[in-house]
């Protein structure tokens, strides 16, 4: 996961910092989470109605791509196949695909073309699981895990035969759509404890062989860490690490994958939507710890981003339009920020960015920066911020700051908070 040791092309990834995750499939018709088949223990026969009624007549991938670009996103990763086994492209290895639904068309190829036209990098999510495949074992997270008669009737399923299918579909994805920038596999669970049976992992997927094929077919592709192999990038899901992620004590490339509301697929009745300001703070927090943010949208069954998602994408985009240079090309700073703040740093421009999650009254103190800053300004309007180094020997008076560390720089802020989600002060270092 050390970018310098990886054969993957990681330069763009470390610069661009922000991508769009898309979870879309026939579960969007059920409209209650992408794991609905597993959660509700639905049989293949019961789940068939979603396949039979998949007709995304309002699907406009060009519009999706424009919304992503306007949100400030630089790459996208889409679910080519999720755990239910349904495929967005016209795979030669199955009939369980978009081209056999009433819609009758490949939905992946026009999506890839549309996002490329907007200069976004292309990523494919591909599930290692497949609850529809006749050779995928009935294991402790399978939808029919509690049906003892079903388990007994299908106990001789051969995961080796399923692995051939998995490898074959991966080959299709990496040979039929041009350059693929990210291959995002999901997920391995052989090390998790279960009351019966066992989960699946690298031996079941034949991960070493699979990864070797990926590297051969797409030499520069970035591969995530869910094959039970190290991969190029760690992918914490729905949580924010406390700091830069490490493996064996070494900092690694990482990407936080987050949702708007706790659901990856379209969930009509979900009301747990995160506010736009909170999502922007999540992006800032991620970059301040050296990571990327992959933020998810779950389109609905007619092929549209719902209004609540569009509202948030546009709010993030407006903030990035003004504050983008505090995110793109930036990484963590070795300096400790003041309370309720985050630092990002651009090593190319030698500029430090102070993101104020809460607006302090009049002053903010930056330890370690006295004598190191040439100029300071609010990033949203390029208005000057006055700086002052306080003599630590000077005692604080009733209305005059004093004391502190000799290397502390004090910024004098306007009383009124700028009308932006997260104010940013740009510090030009000497």
Protein backbone atom coordinates (compact mmCIF):
# COMPACT_ATOMS: atom_id res chain seq x y z
CA UNK A 1 0.00 0.00 0.00
CA UNK A 2 3.04 2.22 -0.08
CA UNK A 3 2.47 4.10 -3.37
CA UNK A 4 6.17 4.06 -4.18
CA UNK A 5 6.22 0.24 -3.89
CA UNK A 6 3.03 -0.37 -5.88
CA UNK A 7 2.93 -1.15 -9.61
CA UNK A 8 -0.28 0.89 -9.79
CA UNK A 9 -0.52 4.43 -11.14
CA UNK A 10 -1.20 6.24 -7.87
CA UNK A 11 -0.14 9.81 -8.70
CA UNK A 12 -3.55 10.96 -9.91
CA UNK A 13 -5.29 9.24 -6.98
CA UNK A 14 -3.16 11.00 -4.38
CA UNK A 15 -3.81 14.33 -6.09
CA UNK A 16 -7.53 14.11 -6.88
CA UNK A 17 -8.73 13.06 -3.41
CA UNK A 18 -12.49 12.93 -4.13
CA UNK A 19 -14.55 10.35 -6.01
CA UNK A 20 -18.12 9.18 -6.55
CA UNK A 21 -19.27 5.72 -5.52
CA UNK A 22 -22.40 4.44 -7.31
CA UNK A 23 -24.41 1.48 -6.00
CA UNK A 24 -27.04 0.58 -8.57
CA UNK A 25 -28.81 -2.62 -9.46
CA UNK A 26 -32.20 -4.29 -9.27
CA UNK A 27 -32.23 -3.71 -5.49
CA UNK A 28 -33.05 -0.10 -6.41
CA UNK A 29 -36.53 -1.35 -7.37
CA UNK A 30 -36.99 -2.90 -3.92
CA UNK A 31 -35.83 0.51 -2.60
CA UNK A 32 -34.82 -0.69 0.84
CA UNK A 33 -31.06 -1.19 0.94
CA UNK A 34 -28.71 -3.09 -1.36
CA UNK A 35 -28.57 -6.03 1.08
CA UNK A 36 -32.37 -6.45 0.99
CA UNK A 37 -32.14 -10.01 -0.38
CA UNK A 38 -29.89 -11.08 2.47
CA UNK A 39 -31.55 -9.06 5.23
CA UNK A 40 -35.04 -10.31 4.40
CA UNK A 41 -33.88 -13.84 3.45
CA UNK A 42 -35.49 -13.57 0.05
CA UNK A 43 -35.25 -16.58 -2.26
CA UNK A 44 -34.17 -16.36 -5.89
CA UNK A 45 -37.81 -16.81 -6.86
CA UNK A 46 -38.95 -14.04 -4.54
CA UNK A 47 -36.22 -11.69 -5.74
CA UNK A 48 -37.05 -12.28 -9.42
CA UNK A 49 -39.76 -9.61 -9.43
CA UNK A 50 -37.10 -6.90 -9.15
CA UNK A 51 -35.32 -8.28 -12.21
CA UNK A 52 -38.63 -8.50 -14.06
CA UNK A 53 -39.48 -4.85 -13.32
CA UNK A 54 -36.10 -3.17 -13.84
CA UNK A 55 -36.84 -0.44 -16.37
CA UNK A 56 -34.74 2.72 -15.74
CA UNK A 57 -36.39 4.88 -18.39
CA UNK A 58 -35.03 8.13 -16.92
CA UNK A 59 -31.43 6.92 -16.88
CA UNK A 60 -29.16 9.66 -18.24
CA UNK A 61 -25.51 8.83 -17.58
CA UNK A 62 -24.40 12.13 -19.09
CA UNK A 63 -26.39 13.92 -16.38
CA UNK A 64 -24.87 11.69 -13.70
CA UNK A 65 -21.40 12.54 -14.97
CA UNK A 66 -22.11 16.29 -15.01
CA UNK A 67 -23.41 16.19 -11.44
CA UNK A 68 -20.29 14.33 -10.34
CA UNK A 69 -17.98 16.77 -12.11
CA UNK A 70 -19.84 19.78 -10.75
CA UNK A 71 -19.55 18.26 -7.27
CA UNK A 72 -15.78 18.42 -7.66
CA UNK A 73 -15.33 14.66 -8.02
CA UNK A 74 -12.43 13.41 -10.14
CA UNK A 75 -13.17 9.68 -10.45
CA UNK A 76 -16.05 7.26 -10.04
CA UNK A 77 -16.48 3.63 -8.98
CA UNK A 78 -19.67 1.79 -9.97
CA UNK A 79 -21.08 -1.56 -8.88
CA UNK A 80 -20.73 -3.71 -11.98
CA UNK A 81 -22.15 -6.58 -9.90
CA UNK A 82 -23.22 -6.51 -6.25
CA UNK A 83 -23.69 -9.48 -3.93
CA UNK A 84 -27.06 -10.37 -5.46
CA UNK A 85 -25.24 -11.32 -8.67
CA UNK A 86 -27.03 -8.91 -11.03
CA UNK A 87 -24.70 -7.46 -13.70
CA UNK A 88 -24.95 -4.01 -15.28
CA UNK A 89 -23.15 -5.02 -18.49
CA UNK A 90 -23.83 -7.57 -21.20
CA UNK A 91 -21.71 -10.35 -19.74
CA UNK A 92 -21.32 -13.43 -21.93
CA UNK A 93 -21.18 -15.62 -18.81
CA UNK A 94 -24.70 -15.08 -17.44
CA UNK A 95 -28.25 -14.13 -18.33
CA UNK A 96 -28.63 -12.36 -14.99
CA UNK A 97 -27.86 -8.94 -16.46
CA UNK A 98 -29.38 -5.65 -17.53
CA UNK A 99 -29.70 -6.68 -21.15
CA UNK A 100 -32.15 -9.46 -20.19
CA UNK A 101 -34.42 -7.24 -18.09
CA UNK A 102 -37.36 -5.36 -19.62
CA UNK A 103 -34.94 -2.45 -20.12
CA UNK A 104 -32.90 -4.67 -22.41
CA UNK A 105 -29.80 -2.50 -22.61
CA UNK A 106 -26.27 -2.47 -21.24
CA UNK A 107 -26.18 0.34 -18.67
CA UNK A 108 -22.47 0.16 -17.84
CA UNK A 109 -20.95 1.04 -21.20
CA UNK A 110 -22.83 4.34 -21.67
CA UNK A 111 -21.96 5.24 -18.08
CA UNK A 112 -18.25 4.68 -18.64
CA UNK A 113 -18.37 6.70 -21.85
CA UNK A 114 -20.26 9.58 -20.19
CA UNK A 115 -17.89 9.87 -17.23
CA UNK A 116 -14.85 9.70 -19.47
CA UNK A 117 -16.24 12.60 -21.51
CA UNK A 118 -16.26 14.63 -18.31
CA UNK A 119 -12.62 13.65 -17.65
CA UNK A 120 -13.37 11.46 -14.64
CA UNK A 121 -11.28 8.35 -14.04
CA UNK A 122 -13.08 5.00 -14.27
CA UNK A 123 -13.43 2.48 -11.45
CA UNK A 124 -15.28 -0.83 -11.23
CA UNK A 125 -16.64 -2.30 -8.01
CA UNK A 126 -17.10 -6.05 -8.40
CA UNK A 127 -18.56 -8.29 -5.73
CA UNK A 128 -16.61 -11.40 -4.82
CA UNK A 129 -19.88 -12.89 -3.56
CA UNK A 130 -22.80 -13.98 -5.72
CA UNK A 131 -26.00 -15.15 -4.05
CA UNK A 132 -27.57 -15.95 -7.43
CA UNK A 133 -24.84 -18.21 -8.83
CA UNK A 134 -25.69 -21.95 -8.60
CA UNK A 135 -22.19 -22.85 -7.34
CA UNK A 136 -21.81 -20.15 -4.68
CA UNK A 137 -21.92 -21.99 -1.33
CA UNK A 138 -24.72 -21.44 1.15
CA UNK A 139 -22.63 -19.90 3.90
CA UNK A 140 -23.45 -17.99 7.12
CA UNK A 141 -24.33 -14.74 5.31
CA UNK A 142 -26.20 -16.28 2.36
CA UNK A 143 -29.90 -15.26 2.10
CA UNK A 144 -30.95 -18.91 2.66
CA UNK A 145 -28.60 -19.46 5.60
CA UNK A 146 -31.46 -20.28 7.99
CA UNK A 147 -33.25 -22.70 5.68
CA UNK A 148 -31.84 -26.03 6.84
CA UNK A 149 -33.48 -28.00 4.03
CA UNK A 150 -32.04 -25.63 1.42
CA UNK A 151 -28.59 -25.84 2.99
CA UNK A 152 -28.70 -29.62 2.93
CA UNK A 153 -29.94 -29.74 -0.67
CA UNK A 154 -27.12 -27.43 -1.84
CA UNK A 155 -24.29 -28.62 0.38
CA UNK A 156 -22.24 -29.89 -2.58
CA UNK A 157 -21.84 -26.54 -4.31
CA UNK A 158 -18.27 -26.08 -5.57
CA UNK A 159 -16.70 -22.69 -4.91
CA UNK A 160 -13.93 -23.57 -7.36
CA UNK A 161 -16.44 -23.54 -10.18
CA UNK A 162 -17.79 -20.23 -8.93
CA UNK A 163 -14.22 -18.82 -8.88
CA UNK A 164 -13.90 -19.60 -12.59
CA UNK A 165 -16.98 -17.45 -13.17
CA UNK A 166 -15.62 -14.67 -10.96
CA UNK A 167 -12.33 -14.62 -12.83
CA UNK A 168 -14.07 -14.76 -16.20
CA UNK A 169 -16.28 -11.77 -15.44
CA UNK A 170 -13.31 -9.81 -14.10
CA UNK A 171 -11.51 -10.50 -17.37
CA UNK A 172 -14.50 -9.16 -19.31
CA UNK A 173 -14.51 -5.94 -17.30
CA UNK A 174 -10.79 -5.40 -17.77
CA UNK A 175 -10.75 -6.11 -21.51
CA UNK A 176 -14.00 -4.63 -22.86
CA UNK A 177 -14.13 -1.09 -21.45
CA UNK A 178 -10.74 0.44 -22.21
CA UNK A 179 -8.50 1.76 -19.46
CA UNK A 180 -9.74 0.98 -15.97
CA UNK A 181 -8.21 3.13 -13.23
CA UNK A 182 -9.59 1.41 -10.11
CA UNK A 183 -10.62 -2.21 -9.47
CA UNK A 184 -12.60 -2.30 -6.24
CA UNK A 185 -13.34 -5.87 -5.08
CA UNK A 186 -15.76 -6.53 -2.21
CA UNK A 187 -15.32 -8.45 0.13
CA UNK A 188 -13.57 -11.25 2.08
CA UNK A 189 -14.92 -12.58 5.36
CA UNK A 190 -13.10 -15.85 6.11
CA UNK A 191 -11.70 -14.51 9.39
CA UNK A 192 -15.03 -13.56 10.90
CA UNK A 193 -16.52 -15.86 13.56
CA UNK A 194 -19.84 -17.55 12.77
CA UNK A 195 -21.92 -19.99 14.84
CA UNK A 196 -21.78 -22.49 11.94
CA UNK A 197 -19.92 -22.80 8.67
CA UNK A 198 -17.24 -20.39 7.58
CA UNK A 199 -16.88 -17.23 5.57
CA UNK A 200 -15.08 -16.83 2.26
CA UNK A 201 -11.62 -15.46 1.59
CA UNK A 202 -8.58 -15.52 -0.61
CA UNK A 203 -8.46 -19.30 -1.02
CA UNK A 204 -12.07 -19.34 -2.24
CA UNK A 205 -11.57 -16.43 -4.64
CA UNK A 206 -8.11 -17.71 -5.68
CA UNK A 207 -7.03 -14.16 -4.96
CA UNK A 208 -3.36 -14.46 -5.91
CA UNK A 209 -4.30 -15.75 -9.35
CA UNK A 210 -7.05 -13.14 -9.70
CA UNK A 211 -4.76 -10.25 -8.75
CA UNK A 212 -2.06 -11.49 -11.14
CA UNK A 213 -4.60 -11.44 -13.98
CA UNK A 214 -5.72 -7.92 -13.03
CA UNK A 215 -2.11 -6.67 -13.06
CA UNK A 216 -1.48 -8.33 -16.40
CA UNK A 217 -4.58 -6.93 -18.11
CA UNK A 218 -4.47 -3.44 -16.60
CA UNK A 219 -0.91 -2.77 -15.37
CA UNK A 220 -1.62 0.67 -13.89
CA UNK A 221 -4.91 -0.12 -12.17
CA UNK A 222 -5.31 0.60 -8.44
CA UNK A 223 -6.63 -2.45 -6.55
CA UNK A 224 -8.20 -2.23 -3.11
CA UNK A 225 -7.50 -4.38 -0.06
CA UNK A 226 -10.51 -6.70 0.08
CA UNK A 227 -9.13 -9.80 -1.61
CA UNK A 228 -7.43 -10.73 1.70
CA UNK A 229 -4.27 -9.47 0.01
CA UNK A 230 -2.56 -6.21 0.75
CA UNK A 231 -3.57 -4.40 -2.44
CA UNK A 232 -2.75 -0.75 -3.14
CA UNK A 233 -5.24 1.10 -0.94
CA UNK A 234 -6.98 0.49 2.38
CA UNK A 235 -10.70 1.15 2.36
CA UNK A 236 -12.29 1.93 5.75
CA UNK A 237 -16.07 1.87 5.35
CA UNK A 238 -18.44 4.26 7.08
CA UNK A 239 -15.96 5.33 9.73
CA UNK A 240 -13.23 7.94 9.92
CA UNK A 241 -9.81 6.75 11.13
CA UNK A 242 -8.25 8.70 13.98
CA UNK A 243 -5.23 9.52 11.84
CA UNK A 244 -3.32 8.50 8.73
CA UNK A 245 -3.90 4.76 8.32
CA UNK A 246 -0.92 2.49 8.91
CA UNK A 247 0.03 -1.12 8.18
CA UNK A 248 2.88 -2.58 10.24
CA UNK A 249 3.70 0.90 11.49
CA UNK A 250 4.00 2.39 7.99
CA UNK A 251 1.65 4.98 6.53
CA UNK A 252 -0.34 3.66 3.57
CA UNK A 253 -2.61 5.00 0.85
CA UNK A 254 -6.20 4.94 2.02
CA UNK A 255 -9.71 5.87 0.95
CA UNK A 256 -12.73 6.41 3.19
CA UNK A 257 -15.94 5.17 1.59
CA UNK A 258 -18.98 6.94 3.00
CA UNK A 259 -22.72 7.19 2.34
CA UNK A 260 -25.23 10.01 2.56
CA UNK A 261 -27.53 8.09 4.88
CA UNK A 262 -26.07 4.74 5.92
CA UNK A 263 -27.40 2.91 2.86
CA UNK A 264 -25.41 2.27 -0.30
CA UNK A 265 -28.34 1.35 -2.52
CA UNK A 266 -31.46 3.46 -2.98
CA UNK A 267 -33.57 3.40 0.20
CA UNK A 268 -36.81 5.29 -0.27
CA UNK A 269 -37.85 5.54 3.39
CA UNK A 270 -34.45 6.33 4.90
CA UNK A 271 -34.47 9.68 6.72
CA UNK A 272 -30.94 9.54 8.18
CA UNK A 273 -29.49 11.95 5.66
CA UNK A 274 -26.30 13.74 6.64
CA UNK A 275 -26.24 17.51 6.23
CA UNK A 276 -24.12 18.99 3.43
CA UNK A 277 -21.88 20.78 5.94
CA UNK A 278 -21.15 17.50 7.70
CA UNK A 279 -20.21 15.84 4.41
CA UNK A 280 -17.82 18.69 3.62
CA UNK A 281 -16.26 18.33 7.06
CA UNK A 282 -15.83 14.60 6.33
CA UNK A 283 -13.97 15.41 3.11
CA UNK A 284 -11.73 17.88 4.94
CA UNK A 285 -11.08 15.43 7.78
CA UNK A 286 -10.13 12.70 5.31
CA UNK A 287 -7.62 14.78 3.36
CA UNK A 288 -6.19 16.18 6.61
CA UNK A 289 -5.24 12.57 7.45
CA UNK A 290 -3.70 11.82 4.04
CA UNK A 291 -6.71 10.01 2.58
CA UNK A 292 -9.27 10.12 -0.24
CA UNK A 293 -13.05 10.25 0.09
CA UNK A 294 -15.30 8.02 -2.05
CA UNK A 295 -18.84 9.32 -1.47
CA UNK A 296 -21.78 7.16 -2.51
CA UNK A 297 -24.98 7.80 -4.44
CA UNK A 298 -27.67 5.13 -4.83
CA UNK A 299 -29.75 5.94 -7.94
CA UNK A 300 -33.39 4.92 -7.92
CA UNK A 301 -35.17 2.32 -10.04
CA UNK A 302 -35.91 4.78 -12.84
CA UNK A 303 -32.25 5.67 -13.11
CA UNK A 304 -32.15 9.04 -11.36
CA UNK A 305 -30.20 10.58 -8.50
CA UNK A 306 -32.85 11.62 -6.03
CA UNK A 307 -33.21 15.32 -5.09
CA UNK A 308 -31.65 14.90 -1.64
CA UNK A 309 -28.50 13.47 -3.21
CA UNK A 310 -28.33 16.19 -5.86
CA UNK A 311 -28.75 18.89 -3.22
CA UNK A 312 -25.76 17.56 -1.31
CA UNK A 313 -23.58 17.02 -4.35
CA UNK A 314 -24.19 20.59 -5.46
CA UNK A 315 -23.47 22.00 -2.00
CA UNK A 316 -20.15 20.16 -1.89
CA UNK A 317 -19.40 21.33 -5.41
CA UNK A 318 -20.04 24.96 -4.55
CA UNK A 319 -17.73 24.72 -1.54
CA UNK A 320 -15.02 23.06 -3.64
CA UNK A 321 -15.41 25.66 -6.41
CA UNK A 322 -14.08 28.20 -3.93
CA UNK A 323 -11.96 26.01 -1.66
CA UNK A 324 -10.70 23.31 -4.01
CA UNK A 325 -7.06 24.22 -3.69
CA UNK A 326 -7.22 23.25 -0.01
CA UNK A 327 -8.18 19.70 -1.10
CA UNK A 328 -6.70 18.80 -4.51
CA UNK A 329 -3.01 18.02 -4.34
CA UNK A 330 -3.11 18.29 -0.56
CA UNK A 331 -2.29 15.89 2.21
CA UNK A 332 -1.73 15.82 5.97
CA UNK A 333 0.44 18.35 7.77
CA UNK A 334 2.90 17.39 10.48
CA UNK A 335 1.69 20.39 12.51
CA UNK A 336 -1.02 20.02 15.14
CA UNK A 337 -4.06 22.18 14.38
CA UNK A 338 -5.88 24.18 17.05
CA UNK A 339 -9.09 22.76 18.56
CA UNK A 340 -12.04 22.31 16.17
CA UNK A 341 -9.82 22.67 13.11
CA UNK A 342 -7.94 20.64 10.52
CA UNK A 343 -4.78 21.33 8.52
CA UNK A 344 -4.17 20.27 4.94
CA UNK A 345 -0.90 20.97 3.16
CA UNK A 346 0.09 21.26 -0.47
CA UNK A 347 3.78 20.34 -0.82
CA UNK A 348 3.94 21.64 -4.40
CA UNK A 349 2.83 25.18 -3.57
CA UNK A 350 4.11 25.15 0.04
CA UNK A 351 0.77 26.40 1.30
CA UNK A 352 -0.94 25.35 4.51
CA UNK A 353 -4.72 25.38 4.84
CA UNK A 354 -6.48 25.88 8.14
CA UNK A 355 -10.06 24.54 8.02
CA UNK A 356 -12.12 25.96 10.87
CA UNK A 357 -14.87 23.51 11.80
CA UNK A 358 -16.06 26.00 14.43
CA UNK A 359 -15.58 29.75 14.13
CA UNK A 360 -13.45 31.13 17.01
CA UNK A 361 -14.03 34.56 18.48
CA UNK A 362 -11.49 37.03 17.03
CA UNK A 363 -8.30 34.99 17.45
CA UNK A 364 -6.84 31.60 16.61
CA UNK A 365 -3.41 30.46 17.81
CA UNK A 366 -1.16 28.31 15.64
CA UNK A 367 1.70 26.64 17.49
CA UNK A 368 4.93 26.15 15.58
CA UNK A 369 4.23 28.77 12.89
CA UNK A 370 5.76 31.98 14.25
CA UNK A 371 8.14 33.36 11.64
CA UNK A 372 7.15 30.72 9.07
CA UNK A 373 4.18 32.42 7.36
CA UNK A 374 4.61 35.03 4.66
CA UNK A 375 0.95 35.93 4.21
CA UNK A 376 -2.51 34.77 5.34
CA UNK A 377 -5.91 35.15 3.73
CA UNK A 378 -9.42 33.79 3.82
CA UNK A 379 -9.64 31.44 0.87
CA UNK A 380 -13.28 32.16 0.01
CA UNK A 381 -12.65 35.81 -0.94
CA UNK A 382 -8.84 36.29 -0.74
CA UNK A 383 -9.24 38.85 2.05
CA UNK A 384 -6.19 39.41 4.22
CA UNK A 385 -5.98 37.96 7.71
CA UNK A 386 -3.71 39.90 10.06
CA UNK A 387 -1.03 37.94 11.89
CA UNK A 388 0.82 38.64 15.11
CA UNK A 389 3.49 36.91 17.18
CA UNK A 390 2.93 37.54 20.87
CA UNK A 391 5.95 37.93 23.10
CA UNK A 392 5.63 35.04 25.57
CA UNK A 393 7.05 37.31 28.25
CA UNK A 394 4.11 39.67 27.83
CA UNK A 395 1.39 38.92 30.32
CA UNK A 396 -2.18 38.76 29.14
CA UNK A 397 -4.20 41.80 30.13
CA UNK A 398 -7.93 42.27 30.47
CA UNK A 399 -8.58 42.70 26.73
CA UNK A 400 -5.13 41.93 25.29
CA UNK A 401 -3.83 38.42 24.56
CA UNK A 402 -0.44 37.56 25.97
CA UNK A 403 1.83 34.72 27.04
CA UNK A 404 1.95 31.36 25.31
CA UNK A 405 4.67 29.59 23.37
CA UNK A 406 7.41 31.57 21.63
CA UNK A 407 6.67 29.79 18.32
CA UNK A 408 2.94 30.59 18.30
CA UNK A 409 1.40 32.69 15.53
CA UNK A 410 -1.87 34.47 16.32
CA UNK A 411 -4.37 35.19 13.56
CA UNK A 412 -6.83 38.04 14.01
CA UNK A 413 -10.18 36.97 12.54
CA UNK A 414 -13.24 38.97 11.58
CA UNK A 415 -16.08 38.72 14.08
CA UNK A 416 -18.52 37.61 11.39
CA UNK A 417 -18.02 34.05 10.17
CA UNK A 418 -17.76 33.78 6.36
CA UNK A 419 -20.96 32.45 4.79
CA UNK A 420 -19.43 29.13 3.73
CA UNK A 421 -19.82 25.61 5.09
CA UNK A 422 -16.24 25.37 6.36
CA UNK A 423 -14.13 28.55 6.35
CA UNK A 424 -10.53 28.08 5.24
CA UNK A 425 -7.50 30.28 5.88
CA UNK A 426 -4.72 29.95 3.34
CA UNK A 427 -1.23 30.34 4.79
CA UNK A 428 1.60 31.08 2.39
CA UNK A 429 4.66 29.54 4.00
CA UNK A 430 8.11 31.07 3.65
